[in-house]
Amino acid sequence: MLLDLSKAEAMSAKAFNFGLYAVYLKELNCGELKYGRNHYDYQEGTLVFIAPGQVMAVQPGVKTYEPKGWELLFHPELIKGTSLGRHIHEYSFFSYDVNEAFHAAFQTTGRLHAQ
């Protein structure tokens, strides 16, 4: 499922336990997030990756903004038995061990480029 976050409501201060894989492309800073036990290195143009069973929390008392960007969600069953399903655990960006987000830049072509 692909969601346009500009049509979503601002996130309230609470923890979310994900049962899905989630990849967020944030086009603006939406406030401070906690990922596992660490605060996320989170800013405009950030790709955030979450695996099933992981917890992300919006911190109380932090000013939040209306989200803007895109979110790709998919259930683990979708990739079960596929090459991706067998190897997705090798992608460290879905791990709590990584506490830095992937920062991206958009050029005028609309293509995504790593910084």
PDB file of N, CA and C in Angstrom:
ATOM      1  N   MET A   1       0.844  -1.148   0.000  1.00  0.00           N
ATOM      2  CA  MET A   1       0.000   0.000   0.000  1.00  0.00           C
ATOM      3  C   MET A   1       0.905   1.231   0.000  1.00  0.00           C
ATOM      4  N   LEU A   2       0.611   2.177  -0.854  1.00  0.00           N
ATOM      5  CA  LEU A   2       1.352   3.428  -0.933  1.00  0.00           C
ATOM      6  C   LEU A   2       0.437   4.558  -0.472  1.00  0.00           C
ATOM      7  N   LEU A   3       0.887   5.308   0.544  1.00  0.00           N
ATOM      8  CA  LEU A   3       0.073   6.379   1.113  1.00  0.00           C
ATOM      9  C   LEU A   3       0.731   7.734   0.894  1.00  0.00           C
ATOM     10  N   ASP A   4      -0.082   8.727   0.568  1.00  0.00           N
ATOM     11  CA  ASP A   4       0.358  10.111   0.463  1.00  0.00           C
ATOM     12  C   ASP A   4       0.171  10.734   1.843  1.00  0.00           C
ATOM     13  N   LEU A   5       1.272  10.991   2.549  1.00  0.00           N
ATOM     14  CA  LEU A   5       1.188  11.478   3.922  1.00  0.00           C
ATOM     15  C   LEU A   5       0.679  12.909   4.029  1.00  0.00           C
ATOM     16  N   SER A   6       0.656  13.642   2.925  1.00  0.00           N
ATOM     17  CA  SER A   6       0.112  15.001   2.986  1.00  0.00           C
ATOM     18  C   SER A   6      -1.394  14.973   3.252  1.00  0.00           C
ATOM     19  N   LYS A   7      -2.014  13.814   3.077  1.00  0.00           N
ATOM     20  CA  LYS A   7      -3.447  13.667   3.327  1.00  0.00           C
ATOM     21  C   LYS A   7      -3.732  13.038   4.690  1.00  0.00           C
ATOM     22  N   ALA A   8      -2.666  12.798   5.483  1.00  0.00           N
ATOM     23  CA  ALA A   8      -2.806  12.177   6.800  1.00  0.00           C
ATOM     24  C   ALA A   8      -2.845  13.243   7.886  1.00  0.00           C
ATOM     25  N   GLU A   9      -3.346  12.860   9.049  1.00  0.00           N
ATOM     26  CA  GLU A   9      -3.356  13.760  10.201  1.00  0.00           C
ATOM     27  C   GLU A   9      -1.996  13.728  10.882  1.00  0.00           C
ATOM     28  N   ALA A  10      -1.694  14.774  11.648  1.00  0.00           N
ATOM     29  CA  ALA A  10      -0.452  14.805  12.424  1.00  0.00           C
ATOM     30  C   ALA A  10      -0.451  13.647  13.416  1.00  0.00           C
ATOM     31  N   MET A  11       0.728  13.071  13.660  1.00  0.00           N
ATOM     32  CA  MET A  11       0.840  11.949  14.587  1.00  0.00           C
ATOM     33  C   MET A  11       0.791  12.464  16.017  1.00  0.00           C
ATOM     34  N   SER A  12       0.050  11.753  16.862  1.00  0.00           N
ATOM     35  CA  SER A  12      -0.003  12.119  18.274  1.00  0.00           C
ATOM     36  C   SER A  12       1.167  11.471  19.006  1.00  0.00           C
ATOM     37  N   ALA A  13       1.446  11.946  20.214  1.00  0.00           N
ATOM     38  CA  ALA A  13       2.556  11.418  21.008  1.00  0.00           C
ATOM     39  C   ALA A  13       2.163  10.069  21.587  1.00  0.00           C
ATOM     40  N   LYS A  14       2.653   9.003  20.964  1.00  0.00           N
ATOM     41  CA  LYS A  14       2.422   7.647  21.458  1.00  0.00           C
ATOM     42  C   LYS A  14       3.348   6.699  20.720  1.00  0.00           C
ATOM     43  N   ALA A  15       3.391   5.460  21.175  1.00  0.00           N
ATOM     44  CA  ALA A  15       4.232   4.438  20.553  1.00  0.00           C
ATOM     45  C   ALA A  15       3.390   3.599  19.600  1.00  0.00           C
ATOM     46  N   PHE A  16       4.016   3.199  18.510  1.00  0.00           N
ATOM     47  CA  PHE A  16       3.364   2.368  17.503  1.00  0.00           C
ATOM     48  C   PHE A  16       4.153   1.077  17.356  1.00  0.00           C
ATOM     49  N   ASN A  17       3.482  -0.075  17.461  1.00  0.00           N
ATOM     50  CA  ASN A  17       4.111  -1.369  17.215  1.00  0.00           C
ATOM     51  C   ASN A  17       3.699  -1.807  15.821  1.00  0.00           C
ATOM     52  N   PHE A  18       4.676  -1.934  14.940  1.00  0.00           N
ATOM     53  CA  PHE A  18       4.395  -2.231  13.545  1.00  0.00           C
ATOM     54  C   PHE A  18       4.325  -3.733  13.298  1.00  0.00           C
ATOM     55  N   GLY A  19       3.295  -4.178  12.605  1.00  0.00           N
ATOM     56  CA  GLY A  19       3.173  -5.558  12.172  1.00  0.00           C
ATOM     57  C   GLY A  19       3.481  -5.685  10.692  1.00  0.00           C
ATOM     58  N   LEU A  20       3.933  -4.593  10.104  1.00  0.00           N
ATOM     59  CA  LEU A  20       4.206  -4.522   8.667  1.00  0.00           C
ATOM     60  C   LEU A  20       5.610  -3.986   8.439  1.00  0.00           C
ATOM     61  N   TYR A  21       6.103  -4.170   7.239  1.00  0.00           N
ATOM     62  CA  TYR A  21       7.283  -3.431   6.813  1.00  0.00           C
ATOM     63  C   TYR A  21       6.798  -2.051   6.408  1.00  0.00           C
ATOM     64  N   ALA A  22       7.558  -1.035   6.767  1.00  0.00           N
ATOM     65  CA  ALA A  22       7.200   0.336   6.417  1.00  0.00           C
ATOM     66  C   ALA A  22       8.442   1.069   5.940  1.00  0.00           C
ATOM     67  N   VAL A  23       8.286   1.801   4.861  1.00  0.00           N
ATOM     68  CA  VAL A  23       9.335   2.680   4.359  1.00  0.00           C
ATOM     69  C   VAL A  23       8.684   4.046   4.191  1.00  0.00           C
ATOM     70  N   TYR A  24       9.185   5.018   4.941  1.00  0.00           N
ATOM     71  CA  TYR A  24       8.668   6.386   4.885  1.00  0.00           C
ATOM     72  C   TYR A  24       9.671   7.278   4.181  1.00  0.00           C
ATOM     73  N   LEU A  25       9.193   8.096   3.296  1.00  0.00           N
ATOM     74  CA  LEU A  25       9.996   9.170   2.726  1.00  0.00           C
ATOM     75  C   LEU A  25       9.393  10.457   3.263  1.00  0.00           C
ATOM     76  N   LYS A  26      10.085  11.088   4.199  1.00  0.00           N
ATOM     77  CA  LYS A  26       9.597  12.312   4.831  1.00  0.00           C
ATOM     78  C   LYS A  26      10.145  13.513   4.080  1.00  0.00           C
ATOM     79  N   GLU A  27       9.248  14.356   3.600  1.00  0.00           N
ATOM     80  CA  GLU A  27       9.662  15.546   2.862  1.00  0.00           C
ATOM     81  C   GLU A  27       9.830  16.752   3.768  1.00  0.00           C
ATOM     82  N   LEU A  28       9.461  16.635   5.040  1.00  0.00           N
ATOM     83  CA  LEU A  28       9.733  17.700   6.002  1.00  0.00           C
ATOM     84  C   LEU A  28       9.843  17.091   7.384  1.00  0.00           C
ATOM     85  N   ASN A  29      10.468  17.823   8.298  1.00  0.00           N
ATOM     86  CA  ASN A  29      10.654  17.347   9.659  1.00  0.00           C
ATOM     87  C   ASN A  29       9.310  17.327  10.374  1.00  0.00           C
ATOM     88  N   CYS A  30       8.954  16.182  10.956  1.00  0.00           N
ATOM     89  CA  CYS A  30       7.660  16.041  11.638  1.00  0.00           C
ATOM     90  C   CYS A  30       7.817  15.945  13.149  1.00  0.00           C
ATOM     91  N   GLY A  31       8.964  16.298  13.689  1.00  0.00           N
ATOM     92  CA  GLY A  31       9.177  16.204  15.130  1.00  0.00           C
ATOM     93  C   GLY A  31      10.146  15.090  15.457  1.00  0.00           C
ATOM     94  N   GLU A  32      10.413  14.918  16.729  1.00  0.00           N
ATOM     95  CA  GLU A  32      11.393  13.950  17.193  1.00  0.00           C
ATOM     96  C   GLU A  32      10.744  12.582  17.350  1.00  0.00           C
ATOM     97  N   LEU A  33      11.413  11.551  16.835  1.00  0.00           N
ATOM     98  CA  LEU A  33      10.923  10.185  16.947  1.00  0.00           C
ATOM     99  C   LEU A  33      11.923   9.346  17.718  1.00  0.00           C
ATOM    100  N   LYS A  34      11.416   8.337  18.410  1.00  0.00           N
ATOM    101  CA  LYS A  34      12.267   7.377  19.098  1.00  0.00           C
ATOM    102  C   LYS A  34      12.095   6.046  18.392  1.00  0.00           C
ATOM    103  N   TYR A  35      13.208   5.397  18.078  1.00  0.00           N
ATOM    104  CA  TYR A  35      13.215   4.137  17.340  1.00  0.00           C
ATOM    105  C   TYR A  35      13.989   3.148  18.182  1.00  0.00           C
ATOM    106  N   GLY A  36      13.302   2.111  18.707  1.00  0.00           N
ATOM    107  CA  GLY A  36      13.953   1.235  19.674  1.00  0.00           C
ATOM    108  C   GLY A  36      14.213   2.045  20.931  1.00  0.00           C
ATOM    109  N   ARG A  37      15.465   2.057  21.393  1.00  0.00           N
ATOM    110  CA  ARG A  37      15.813   2.850  22.576  1.00  0.00           C
ATOM    111  C   ARG A  37      16.557   4.131  22.218  1.00  0.00           C
ATOM    112  N   ASN A  38      16.688   4.415  20.945  1.00  0.00           N
ATOM    113  CA  ASN A  38      17.456   5.572  20.495  1.00  0.00           C
ATOM    114  C   ASN A  38      16.556   6.588  19.803  1.00  0.00           C
ATOM    115  N   HIS A  39      17.008   7.830  19.814  1.00  0.00           N
ATOM    116  CA  HIS A  39      16.319   8.864  19.048  1.00  0.00           C
ATOM    117  C   HIS A  39      16.804   8.792  17.613  1.00  0.00           C
ATOM    118  N   TYR A  40      15.888   8.947  16.703  1.00  0.00           N
ATOM    119  CA  TYR A  40      16.194   8.817  15.282  1.00  0.00           C
ATOM    120  C   TYR A  40      16.857  10.073  14.749  1.00  0.00           C
ATOM    121  N   ASP A  41      17.900   9.889  13.937  1.00  0.00           N
ATOM    122  CA  ASP A  41      18.547  10.986  13.218  1.00  0.00           C
ATOM    123  C   ASP A  41      17.604  11.334  12.074  1.00  0.00           C
ATOM    124  N   TYR A  42      16.703  12.261  12.313  1.00  0.00           N
ATOM    125  CA  TYR A  42      15.502  12.416  11.509  1.00  0.00           C
ATOM    126  C   TYR A  42      15.339  13.864  11.090  1.00  0.00           C
ATOM    127  N   GLN A  43      15.328  14.110   9.819  1.00  0.00           N
ATOM    128  CA  GLN A  43      15.197  15.469   9.303  1.00  0.00           C
ATOM    129  C   GLN A  43      14.489  15.431   7.957  1.00  0.00           C
ATOM    130  N   GLU A  44      14.346  16.583   7.346  1.00  0.00           N
ATOM    131  CA  GLU A  44      13.720  16.671   6.028  1.00  0.00           C
ATOM    132  C   GLU A  44      14.486  15.810   5.031  1.00  0.00           C
ATOM    133  N   GLY A  45      13.756  15.089   4.184  1.00  0.00           N
ATOM    134  CA  GLY A  45      14.381  14.246   3.173  1.00  0.00           C
ATOM    135  C   GLY A  45      14.908  12.943   3.734  1.00  0.00           C
ATOM    136  N   THR A  46      14.294  12.431   4.793  1.00  0.00           N
ATOM    137  CA  THR A  46      14.752  11.210   5.449  1.00  0.00           C
ATOM    138  C   THR A  46      13.933  10.015   4.989  1.00  0.00           C
ATOM    139  N   LEU A  47      14.624   8.904   4.748  1.00  0.00           N
ATOM    140  CA  LEU A  47      13.966   7.622   4.537  1.00  0.00           C
ATOM    141  C   LEU A  47      14.018   6.870   5.860  1.00  0.00           C
ATOM    142  N   VAL A  48      12.877   6.424   6.340  1.00  0.00           N
ATOM    143  CA  VAL A  48      12.772   5.691   7.595  1.00  0.00           C
ATOM    144  C   VAL A  48      12.301   4.283   7.261  1.00  0.00           C
ATOM    145  N   PHE A  49      12.988   3.268   7.795  1.00  0.00           N
ATOM    146  CA  PHE A  49      12.655   1.870   7.533  1.00  0.00           C
ATOM    147  C   PHE A  49      12.261   1.201   8.845  1.00  0.00           C
ATOM    148  N   ILE A  50      11.128   0.489   8.841  1.00  0.00           N
ATOM    149  CA  ILE A  50      10.640  -0.195  10.032  1.00  0.00           C
ATOM    150  C   ILE A  50      10.256  -1.619   9.645  1.00  0.00           C
ATOM    151  N   ALA A  51      10.661  -2.581  10.470  1.00  0.00           N
ATOM    152  CA  ALA A  51      10.342  -3.989  10.239  1.00  0.00           C
ATOM    153  C   ALA A  51       9.198  -4.415  11.158  1.00  0.00           C
ATOM    154  N   PRO A  52       8.502  -5.504  10.819  1.00  0.00           N
ATOM    155  CA  PRO A  52       7.421  -5.992  11.670  1.00  0.00           C
ATOM    156  C   PRO A  52       7.908  -6.237  13.100  1.00  0.00           C
ATOM    157  N   GLY A  53       7.094  -5.828  14.071  1.00  0.00           N
ATOM    158  CA  GLY A  53       7.420  -6.026  15.479  1.00  0.00           C
ATOM    159  C   GLY A  53       8.228  -4.901  16.100  1.00  0.00           C
ATOM    160  N   GLN A  54       8.730  -3.988  15.296  1.00  0.00           N
ATOM    161  CA  GLN A  54       9.502  -2.878  15.842  1.00  0.00           C
ATOM    162  C   GLN A  54       8.563  -1.783  16.335  1.00  0.00           C
ATOM    163  N   VAL A  55       9.065  -0.983  17.255  1.00  0.00           N
ATOM    164  CA  VAL A  55       8.271   0.078  17.862  1.00  0.00           C
ATOM    165  C   VAL A  55       8.891   1.427  17.529  1.00  0.00           C
ATOM    166  N   MET A  56       8.061   2.359  17.101  1.00  0.00           N
ATOM    167  CA  MET A  56       8.479   3.741  16.892  1.00  0.00           C
ATOM    168  C   MET A  56       7.555   4.602  17.732  1.00  0.00           C
ATOM    169  N   ALA A  57       8.116   5.638  18.363  1.00  0.00           N
ATOM    170  CA  ALA A  57       7.318   6.492  19.238  1.00  0.00           C
ATOM    171  C   ALA A  57       7.514   7.954  18.887  1.00  0.00           C
ATOM    172  N   VAL A  58       6.423   8.695  18.923  1.00  0.00           N
ATOM    173  CA  VAL A  58       6.470  10.149  18.825  1.00  0.00           C
ATOM    174  C   VAL A  58       6.571  10.646  20.258  1.00  0.00           C
ATOM    175  N   GLN A  59       7.592  11.432  20.553  1.00  0.00           N
ATOM    176  CA  GLN A  59       7.868  11.870  21.917  1.00  0.00           C
ATOM    177  C   GLN A  59       6.867  12.922  22.388  1.00  0.00           C
ATOM    178  N   PRO A  60       6.378  12.788  23.638  1.00  0.00           N
ATOM    179  CA  PRO A  60       5.454  13.783  24.175  1.00  0.00           C
ATOM    180  C   PRO A  60       6.148  15.136  24.351  1.00  0.00           C
ATOM    181  N   GLY A  61       5.381  16.196  24.213  1.00  0.00           N
ATOM    182  CA  GLY A  61       5.901  17.532  24.427  1.00  0.00           C
ATOM    183  C   GLY A  61       6.722  18.088  23.283  1.00  0.00           C
ATOM    184  N   VAL A  62       6.843  17.332  22.199  1.00  0.00           N
ATOM    185  CA  VAL A  62       7.602  17.795  21.041  1.00  0.00           C
ATOM    186  C   VAL A  62       6.611  18.307  20.007  1.00  0.00           C
ATOM    187  N   LYS A  63       6.869  19.484  19.500  1.00  0.00           N
ATOM    188  CA  LYS A  63       5.981  20.052  18.485  1.00  0.00           C
ATOM    189  C   LYS A  63       6.010  19.163  17.243  1.00  0.00           C
ATOM    190  N   THR A  64       4.841  18.761  16.787  1.00  0.00           N
ATOM    191  CA  THR A  64       4.762  17.948  15.578  1.00  0.00           C
ATOM    192  C   THR A  64       4.108  18.762  14.475  1.00  0.00           C
ATOM    193  N   TYR A  65       4.382  18.372  13.281  1.00  0.00           N
ATOM    194  CA  TYR A  65       3.869  19.072  12.109  1.00  0.00           C
ATOM    195  C   TYR A  65       3.041  18.113  11.279  1.00  0.00           C
ATOM    196  N   GLU A  66       2.218  18.675  10.431  1.00  0.00           N
ATOM    197  CA  GLU A  66       1.469  17.839   9.503  1.00  0.00           C
ATOM    198  C   GLU A  66       2.476  17.076   8.651  1.00  0.00           C
ATOM    199  N   PRO A  67       2.319  15.772   8.543  1.00  0.00           N
ATOM    200  CA  PRO A  67       3.282  14.999   7.767  1.00  0.00           C
ATOM    201  C   PRO A  67       3.200  15.319   6.279  1.00  0.00           C
ATOM    202  N   LYS A  68       4.313  15.155   5.612  1.00  0.00           N
ATOM    203  CA  LYS A  68       4.355  15.314   4.165  1.00  0.00           C
ATOM    204  C   LYS A  68       5.383  14.329   3.642  1.00  0.00           C
ATOM    205  N   GLY A  69       5.008  13.575   2.639  1.00  0.00           N
ATOM    206  CA  GLY A  69       5.894  12.568   2.073  1.00  0.00           C
ATOM    207  C   GLY A  69       5.083  11.360   1.644  1.00  0.00           C
ATOM    208  N   TRP A  70       5.747  10.226   1.596  1.00  0.00           N
ATOM    209  CA  TRP A  70       5.111   8.990   1.136  1.00  0.00           C
ATOM    210  C   TRP A  70       5.454   7.862   2.085  1.00  0.00           C
ATOM    211  N   GLU A  71       4.548   6.888   2.172  1.00  0.00           N
ATOM    212  CA  GLU A  71       4.755   5.722   3.014  1.00  0.00           C
ATOM    213  C   GLU A  71       4.392   4.478   2.209  1.00  0.00           C
ATOM    214  N   LEU A  72       5.309   3.535   2.171  1.00  0.00           N
ATOM    215  CA  LEU A  72       5.071   2.242   1.541  1.00  0.00           C
ATOM    216  C   LEU A  72       4.947   1.215   2.650  1.00  0.00           C
ATOM    217  N   LEU A  73       3.818   0.524   2.709  1.00  0.00           N
ATOM    218  CA  LEU A  73       3.563  -0.508   3.713  1.00  0.00           C
ATOM    219  C   LEU A  73       3.338  -1.840   3.019  1.00  0.00           C
ATOM    220  N   PHE A  74       3.942  -2.902   3.572  1.00  0.00           N
ATOM    221  CA  PHE A  74       3.633  -4.226   3.038  1.00  0.00           C
ATOM    222  C   PHE A  74       3.765  -5.276   4.128  1.00  0.00           C
ATOM    223  N   HIS A  75       2.885  -6.271   4.063  1.00  0.00           N
ATOM    224  CA  HIS A  75       2.827  -7.357   5.035  1.00  0.00           C
ATOM    225  C   HIS A  75       3.931  -8.366   4.731  1.00  0.00           C
ATOM    226  N   PRO A  76       4.531  -8.980   5.755  1.00  0.00           N
ATOM    227  CA  PRO A  76       5.576  -9.979   5.529  1.00  0.00           C
ATOM    228  C   PRO A  76       5.127 -11.148   4.647  1.00  0.00           C
ATOM    229  N   GLU A  77       3.843 -11.469   4.675  1.00  0.00           N
ATOM    230  CA  GLU A  77       3.330 -12.559   3.835  1.00  0.00           C
ATOM    231  C   GLU A  77       3.501 -12.260   2.347  1.00  0.00           C
ATOM    232  N   LEU A  78       3.526 -10.983   1.987  1.00  0.00           N
ATOM    233  CA  LEU A  78       3.663 -10.594   0.587  1.00  0.00           C
ATOM    234  C   LEU A  78       4.988 -11.068  -0.003  1.00  0.00           C
ATOM    235  N   ILE A  79       6.036 -11.118   0.819  1.00  0.00           N
ATOM    236  CA  ILE A  79       7.358 -11.505   0.313  1.00  0.00           C
ATOM    237  C   ILE A  79       7.789 -12.894   0.782  1.00  0.00           C
ATOM    238  N   LYS A  80       6.935 -13.578   1.539  1.00  0.00           N
ATOM    239  CA  LYS A  80       7.251 -14.919   2.034  1.00  0.00           C
ATOM    240  C   LYS A  80       7.502 -15.858   0.853  1.00  0.00           C
ATOM    241  N   GLY A  81       8.609 -16.598   0.922  1.00  0.00           N
ATOM    242  CA  GLY A  81       8.942 -17.555  -0.130  1.00  0.00           C
ATOM    243  C   GLY A  81       9.639 -16.940  -1.330  1.00  0.00           C
ATOM    244  N   THR A  82       9.839 -15.626  -1.324  1.00  0.00           N
ATOM    245  CA  THR A  82      10.531 -14.960  -2.432  1.00  0.00           C
ATOM    246  C   THR A  82      11.992 -14.725  -2.058  1.00  0.00           C
ATOM    247  N   SER A  83      12.784 -14.353  -3.038  1.00  0.00           N
ATOM    248  CA  SER A  83      14.184 -14.022  -2.771  1.00  0.00           C
ATOM    249  C   SER A  83      14.276 -12.875  -1.764  1.00  0.00           C
ATOM    250  N   LEU A  84      13.443 -11.858  -1.932  1.00  0.00           N
ATOM    251  CA  LEU A  84      13.442 -10.741  -0.991  1.00  0.00           C
ATOM    252  C   LEU A  84      13.081 -11.218   0.411  1.00  0.00           C
ATOM    253  N   GLY A  85      12.082 -12.072   0.520  1.00  0.00           N
ATOM    254  CA  GLY A  85      11.671 -12.593   1.818  1.00  0.00           C
ATOM    255  C   GLY A  85      12.774 -13.374   2.509  1.00  0.00           C
ATOM    256  N   ARG A  86      13.579 -14.097   1.736  1.00  0.00           N
ATOM    257  CA  ARG A  86      14.685 -14.871   2.303  1.00  0.00           C
ATOM    258  C   ARG A  86      15.864 -13.996   2.704  1.00  0.00           C
ATOM    259  N   HIS A  87      15.983 -12.815   2.117  1.00  0.00           N
ATOM    260  CA  HIS A  87      17.172 -11.986   2.353  1.00  0.00           C
ATOM    261  C   HIS A  87      16.895 -10.648   3.033  1.00  0.00           C
ATOM    262  N   ILE A  88      15.644 -10.323   3.306  1.00  0.00           N
ATOM    263  CA  ILE A  88      15.344  -8.993   3.847  1.00  0.00           C
ATOM    264  C   ILE A  88      16.027  -8.751   5.190  1.00  0.00           C
ATOM    265  N   HIS A  89      16.276  -9.817   5.956  1.00  0.00           N
ATOM    266  CA  HIS A  89      16.963  -9.651   7.246  1.00  0.00           C
ATOM    267  C   HIS A  89      18.402  -9.163   7.071  1.00  0.00           C
ATOM    268  N   GLU A  90      18.945  -9.271   5.869  1.00  0.00           N
ATOM    269  CA  GLU A  90      20.309  -8.815   5.595  1.00  0.00           C
ATOM    270  C   GLU A  90      20.384  -7.302   5.387  1.00  0.00           C
ATOM    271  N   TYR A  91      19.255  -6.658   5.190  1.00  0.00           N
ATOM    272  CA  TYR A  91      19.233  -5.215   4.973  1.00  0.00           C
ATOM    273  C   TYR A  91      19.239  -4.515   6.327  1.00  0.00           C
ATOM    274  N   SER A  92      20.386  -3.984   6.721  1.00  0.00           N
ATOM    275  CA  SER A  92      20.558  -3.447   8.075  1.00  0.00           C
ATOM    276  C   SER A  92      19.682  -2.236   8.363  1.00  0.00           C
ATOM    277  N   PHE A  93      19.201  -1.557   7.341  1.00  0.00           N
ATOM    278  CA  PHE A  93      18.384  -0.372   7.599  1.00  0.00           C
ATOM    279  C   PHE A  93      17.034  -0.715   8.206  1.00  0.00           C
ATOM    280  N   PHE A  94      16.647  -1.999   8.254  1.00  0.00           N
ATOM    281  CA  PHE A  94      15.432  -2.420   8.952  1.00  0.00           C
ATOM    282  C   PHE A  94      15.738  -2.828  10.396  1.00  0.00           C
ATOM    283  N   SER A  95      16.941  -2.533  10.900  1.00  0.00           N
ATOM    284  CA  SER A  95      17.396  -3.014  12.198  1.00  0.00           C
ATOM    285  C   SER A  95      17.466  -1.903  13.230  1.00  0.00           C
ATOM    286  N   TYR A  96      17.155  -2.231  14.487  1.00  0.00           N
ATOM    287  CA  TYR A  96      17.343  -1.296  15.592  1.00  0.00           C
ATOM    288  C   TYR A  96      18.817  -0.951  15.784  1.00  0.00           C
ATOM    289  N   ASP A  97      19.719  -1.809  15.292  1.00  0.00           N
ATOM    290  CA  ASP A  97      21.148  -1.553  15.456  1.00  0.00           C
ATOM    291  C   ASP A  97      21.591  -0.308  14.708  1.00  0.00           C
ATOM    292  N   VAL A  98      20.823   0.103  13.744  1.00  0.00           N
ATOM    293  CA  VAL A  98      21.159   1.287  12.953  1.00  0.00           C
ATOM    294  C   VAL A  98      20.330   2.445  13.487  1.00  0.00           C
ATOM    295  N   ASN A  99      20.991   3.475  14.025  1.00  0.00           N
ATOM    296  CA  ASN A  99      20.208   4.594  14.559  1.00  0.00           C
ATOM    297  C   ASN A  99      20.388   5.858  13.736  1.00  0.00           C
ATOM    298  N   GLU A 100      20.859   5.700  12.522  1.00  0.00           N
ATOM    299  CA  GLU A 100      20.911   6.828  11.605  1.00  0.00           C
ATOM    300  C   GLU A 100      19.983   6.549  10.439  1.00  0.00           C
ATOM    301  N   ALA A 101      19.219   7.526  10.085  1.00  0.00           N
ATOM    302  CA  ALA A 101      18.318   7.393   8.947  1.00  0.00           C
ATOM    303  C   ALA A 101      19.093   7.618   7.660  1.00  0.00           C
ATOM    304  N   PHE A 102      18.490   7.239   6.566  1.00  0.00           N
ATOM    305  CA  PHE A 102      19.051   7.471   5.237  1.00  0.00           C
ATOM    306  C   PHE A 102      18.548   8.824   4.775  1.00  0.00           C
ATOM    307  N   HIS A 103      19.470   9.743   4.536  1.00  0.00           N
ATOM    308  CA  HIS A 103      19.083  11.090   4.108  1.00  0.00           C
ATOM    309  C   HIS A 103      19.153  11.177   2.591  1.00  0.00           C
ATOM    310  N   ALA A 104      18.160  11.784   2.019  1.00  0.00           N
ATOM    311  CA  ALA A 104      18.048  11.822   0.568  1.00  0.00           C
ATOM    312  C   ALA A 104      17.892  13.253   0.085  1.00  0.00           C
ATOM    313  N   ALA A 105      18.219  13.444  -1.163  1.00  0.00           N
ATOM    314  CA  ALA A 105      18.041  14.751  -1.794  1.00  0.00           C
ATOM    315  C   ALA A 105      17.275  14.552  -3.089  1.00  0.00           C
ATOM    316  N   PHE A 106      16.428  15.504  -3.407  1.00  0.00           N
ATOM    317  CA  PHE A 106      15.670  15.453  -4.643  1.00  0.00           C
ATOM    318  C   PHE A 106      16.238  16.479  -5.603  1.00  0.00           C
ATOM    319  N   GLN A 107      16.576  16.015  -6.786  1.00  0.00           N
ATOM    320  CA  GLN A 107      17.006  16.954  -7.809  1.00  0.00           C
ATOM    321  C   GLN A 107      15.780  17.346  -8.622  1.00  0.00           C
ATOM    322  N   THR A 108      15.925  18.311  -9.485  1.00  0.00           N
ATOM    323  CA  THR A 108      14.779  18.828 -10.233  1.00  0.00           C
ATOM    324  C   THR A 108      14.129  17.774 -11.115  1.00  0.00           C
ATOM    325  N   THR A 109      14.822  16.680 -11.384  1.00  0.00           N
ATOM    326  CA  THR A 109      14.242  15.609 -12.193  1.00  0.00           C
ATOM    327  C   THR A 109      13.227  14.799 -11.401  1.00  0.00           C
ATOM    328  N   GLY A 110      13.181  14.993 -10.058  1.00  0.00           N
ATOM    329  CA  GLY A 110      12.281  14.211  -9.227  1.00  0.00           C
ATOM    330  C   GLY A 110      12.873  12.877  -8.827  1.00  0.00           C
ATOM    331  N   ARG A 111      14.135  12.652  -9.142  1.00  0.00           N
ATOM    332  CA  ARG A 111      14.788  11.398  -8.768  1.00  0.00           C
ATOM    333  C   ARG A 111      15.395  11.521  -7.379  1.00  0.00           C
ATOM    334  N   LEU A 112      15.495  10.396  -6.714  1.00  0.00           N
ATOM    335  CA  LEU A 112      16.035  10.332  -5.370  1.00  0.00           C
ATOM    336  C   LEU A 112      17.534  10.088  -5.441  1.00  0.00           C
ATOM    337  N   HIS A 113      18.307  10.867  -4.700  1.00  0.00           N
ATOM    338  CA  HIS A 113      19.758  10.715  -4.668  1.00  0.00           C
ATOM    339  C   HIS A 113      20.223  10.695  -3.224  1.00  0.00           C
ATOM    340  N   ALA A 114      21.085   9.739  -2.872  1.00  0.00           N
ATOM    341  CA  ALA A 114      21.631   9.662  -1.513  1.00  0.00           C
ATOM    342  C   ALA A 114      22.592  10.804  -1.274  1.00  0.00           C
ATOM    343  N   GLN A 115      22.639  11.275  -0.026  1.00  0.00           N
ATOM    344  CA  GLN A 115      23.595  12.315   0.357  1.00  0.00           C
ATOM    345  C   GLN A 115      24.718  11.684   1.130  1.00  0.00           C
TER     346      GLN A 115
END
